[in-house]
């Protein structure tokens, strides 16, 4: 890795010569060489455009007459109220559906179709069940009436015996 001082000086001189040549090409506007990469060409083109940029004065009020011509006219601020109204109108979309049925939103149970099909048969069975319950109640009431009559007769007999004592 050690290099002699002479070789380092030679490399530095070569580098200086290349830099001088590069500066000379940039200043005199030369044609790019075919071996030169595109990125170098693009950088050189950008530097050339920056030199010819037109001066625009936005915030500075010049005193010189020539510079006053380059001054950009002051922009008038737009009405804030109108912009806010536009933004509020854009933020409020019109509702597509006004009423939402919760039954349509909730997922259905897997056996919903079975319940729908069996509902008519269940109505018939419910009527028959109610009739059967009514008959059973009537039979019990008839049975309890006879038992009640017997119990009342027995009580009367006992009361008569007690009265005779």
Protein backbone atom coordinates (compact mmCIF):
# COMPACT_ATOMS: atom_id res chain seq x y z
CA UNK A 1 0.00 0.00 0.00
CA UNK A 2 2.86 2.34 0.46
CA UNK A 3 3.34 4.60 -2.50
CA UNK A 4 6.26 6.83 -3.06
CA UNK A 5 5.89 10.57 -2.82
CA UNK A 6 6.74 10.89 -6.51
CA UNK A 7 3.88 8.65 -7.64
CA UNK A 8 1.40 10.55 -5.43
CA UNK A 9 2.53 13.83 -6.96
CA UNK A 10 2.15 12.42 -10.47
CA UNK A 11 -1.41 11.30 -9.68
CA UNK A 12 -2.26 14.72 -8.25
CA UNK A 13 -0.93 16.43 -11.42
CA UNK A 14 -3.02 14.12 -13.64
CA UNK A 15 -6.10 14.88 -11.56
CA UNK A 16 -5.49 18.63 -11.87
CA UNK A 17 -5.15 18.35 -15.63
CA UNK A 18 -8.43 16.42 -15.91
CA UNK A 19 -10.22 19.03 -13.78
CA UNK A 20 -8.86 21.87 -15.93
CA UNK A 21 -10.02 20.09 -19.08
CA UNK A 22 -13.46 19.50 -17.59
CA UNK A 23 -13.81 23.17 -16.58
CA UNK A 24 -12.75 24.29 -20.02
CA UNK A 25 -15.36 22.08 -21.68
CA UNK A 26 -18.07 23.37 -19.36
CA UNK A 27 -17.23 27.01 -19.96
CA UNK A 28 -16.91 26.83 -23.72
CA UNK A 29 -20.02 24.72 -24.35
CA UNK A 30 -18.68 21.73 -26.19
CA UNK A 31 -20.38 18.74 -27.75
CA UNK A 32 -20.63 15.73 -25.40
CA UNK A 33 -18.47 12.76 -26.21
CA UNK A 34 -19.96 9.39 -26.97
CA UNK A 35 -18.23 7.70 -24.00
CA UNK A 36 -19.64 10.22 -21.51
CA UNK A 37 -22.51 8.98 -19.31
CA UNK A 38 -26.01 10.48 -19.62
CA UNK A 39 -26.06 11.65 -16.01
CA UNK A 40 -23.07 13.93 -16.70
CA UNK A 41 -24.81 15.37 -19.74
CA UNK A 42 -28.00 16.02 -17.78
CA UNK A 43 -26.07 17.83 -15.03
CA UNK A 44 -24.34 20.03 -17.56
CA UNK A 45 -27.68 20.84 -19.24
CA UNK A 46 -29.22 21.84 -15.90
CA UNK A 47 -26.34 24.14 -15.06
CA UNK A 48 -26.71 25.83 -18.45
CA UNK A 49 -30.43 26.42 -17.84
CA UNK A 50 -29.84 27.91 -14.40
CA UNK A 51 -27.60 30.57 -15.87
CA UNK A 52 -30.35 31.78 -18.21
CA UNK A 53 -33.17 31.78 -15.67
CA UNK A 54 -35.29 34.86 -15.56
CA UNK A 55 -35.31 36.81 -12.32
CA UNK A 56 -38.72 37.10 -10.64
CA UNK A 57 -39.22 39.40 -7.69
CA UNK A 58 -42.14 38.45 -5.46
CA UNK A 59 -41.42 39.85 -2.01
CA UNK A 60 -38.83 42.43 -2.87
CA UNK A 61 -39.65 45.91 -4.12
CA UNK A 62 -36.70 47.08 -6.20
CA UNK A 63 -35.66 50.70 -6.60
CA UNK A 64 -34.11 50.23 -10.03
CA UNK A 65 -36.45 50.80 -12.99
CA UNK A 66 -35.21 47.71 -14.89
CA UNK A 67 -35.84 45.47 -11.92
CA UNK A 68 -39.31 46.93 -11.33
CA UNK A 69 -40.38 45.40 -14.66
CA UNK A 70 -39.49 41.94 -13.35
CA UNK A 71 -41.55 42.34 -10.20
CA UNK A 72 -44.43 39.86 -9.93
CA UNK A 73 -47.79 41.52 -9.22
CA UNK A 74 -49.17 40.86 -5.74
CA UNK A 75 -51.65 38.01 -5.62
CA UNK A 76 -55.09 38.69 -4.20
CA UNK A 77 -56.16 36.16 -1.59
CA UNK A 78 -59.19 34.10 -2.48
CA UNK A 79 -62.32 34.24 -0.34
CA UNK A 80 -61.85 31.80 2.51
CA UNK A 81 -65.58 31.51 3.16
CA UNK A 82 -66.25 30.17 -0.34
CA UNK A 83 -63.49 27.62 -0.09
CA UNK A 84 -64.73 26.42 3.30
CA UNK A 85 -68.30 26.11 1.98
CA UNK A 86 -67.07 24.06 -0.97
CA UNK A 87 -65.08 21.77 1.31
CA UNK A 88 -68.02 21.28 3.67
CA UNK A 89 -70.33 20.43 0.78
CA UNK A 90 -67.80 17.95 -0.56
CA UNK A 91 -67.40 16.37 2.90
CA UNK A 92 -71.15 15.70 3.33
CA UNK A 93 -72.11 12.98 0.86
CA UNK A 94 -75.81 12.42 0.26
CA UNK A 95 -77.14 9.33 2.08
CA UNK A 96 -77.89 6.51 -0.30
CA UNK A 97 -80.31 4.64 1.97
CA UNK A 98 -82.23 6.62 4.54
CA UNK A 99 -83.69 3.73 6.55
CA UNK A 100 -81.66 0.65 7.31
CA UNK A 101 -83.46 -2.55 8.18
CA UNK A 102 -81.54 -4.34 10.91
CA UNK A 103 -82.87 -7.71 9.78
CA UNK A 104 -81.12 -7.25 6.45
CA UNK A 105 -77.84 -6.30 8.10
CA UNK A 106 -77.66 -9.13 10.62
CA UNK A 107 -76.48 -12.46 9.24
CA UNK A 108 -79.12 -15.17 9.21
CA UNK A 109 -78.82 -18.32 11.27
CA UNK A 110 -78.06 -21.49 9.34
CA UNK A 111 -81.48 -23.04 10.07
CA UNK A 112 -83.64 -20.05 9.12
CA UNK A 113 -85.10 -21.78 6.07
CA UNK A 114 -86.08 -24.84 8.11
CA UNK A 115 -87.94 -22.68 10.63
CA UNK A 116 -89.75 -20.90 7.79
CA UNK A 117 -90.93 -24.16 6.24
CA UNK A 118 -92.05 -25.72 9.55
CA UNK A 119 -93.92 -22.60 10.80
CA UNK A 120 -97.26 -23.54 9.12
CA UNK A 121 -97.20 -27.06 10.56
CA UNK A 122 -96.38 -25.68 14.00
CA UNK A 123 -99.42 -23.38 13.86
CA UNK A 124 -101.72 -26.38 13.34
CA UNK A 125 -100.05 -28.29 16.16
CA UNK A 126 -100.33 -25.28 18.46
CA UNK A 127 -104.12 -25.15 17.90
CA UNK A 128 -104.47 -28.88 18.63
CA UNK A 129 -102.34 -28.52 21.77
CA UNK A 130 -104.54 -25.69 23.06
CA UNK A 131 -107.71 -27.79 22.47
CA UNK A 132 -106.20 -30.77 24.29
CA UNK A 133 -105.21 -28.61 27.27
CA UNK A 134 -108.72 -27.15 27.42
CA UNK A 135 -110.29 -30.64 27.42
CA UNK A 136 -108.01 -31.83 30.21
CA UNK A 137 -108.94 -28.82 32.33
CA UNK A 138 -112.66 -29.47 31.75
CA UNK A 139 -112.31 -33.13 32.75
CA UNK A 140 -110.52 -32.19 35.96
CA UNK A 141 -113.15 -29.61 36.77
CA UNK A 142 -115.95 -32.22 36.25
CA UNK A 143 -114.08 -34.69 38.42
CA UNK A 144 -113.49 -32.08 41.08
CA UNK A 145 -117.22 -31.14 41.02
CA UNK A 146 -118.25 -34.68 41.85
CA UNK A 147 -115.57 -34.93 44.51
CA UNK A 148 -116.62 -31.52 45.79
CA UNK A 149 -120.26 -32.59 45.95
CA UNK A 150 -119.28 -35.74 47.80
CA UNK A 151 -117.11 -33.73 50.16
CA UNK A 152 -119.93 -31.24 50.79
CA UNK A 153 -122.39 -34.15 51.47
CA UNK A 154 -119.94 -35.72 53.89
CA UNK A 155 -119.52 -32.44 55.70
CA UNK A 156 -123.29 -32.05 55.98
CA UNK A 157 -123.62 -35.55 57.45
CA UNK A 158 -120.92 -34.78 60.01
CA UNK A 159 -122.57 -31.49 60.96
CA UNK A 160 -125.91 -33.24 61.49
CA UNK A 161 -124.30 -35.74 63.80
CA UNK A 162 -122.66 -32.99 65.78
CA UNK A 163 -125.97 -31.14 66.08
CA UNK A 164 -127.67 -34.23 67.52
CA UNK A 165 -125.06 -34.59 70.17
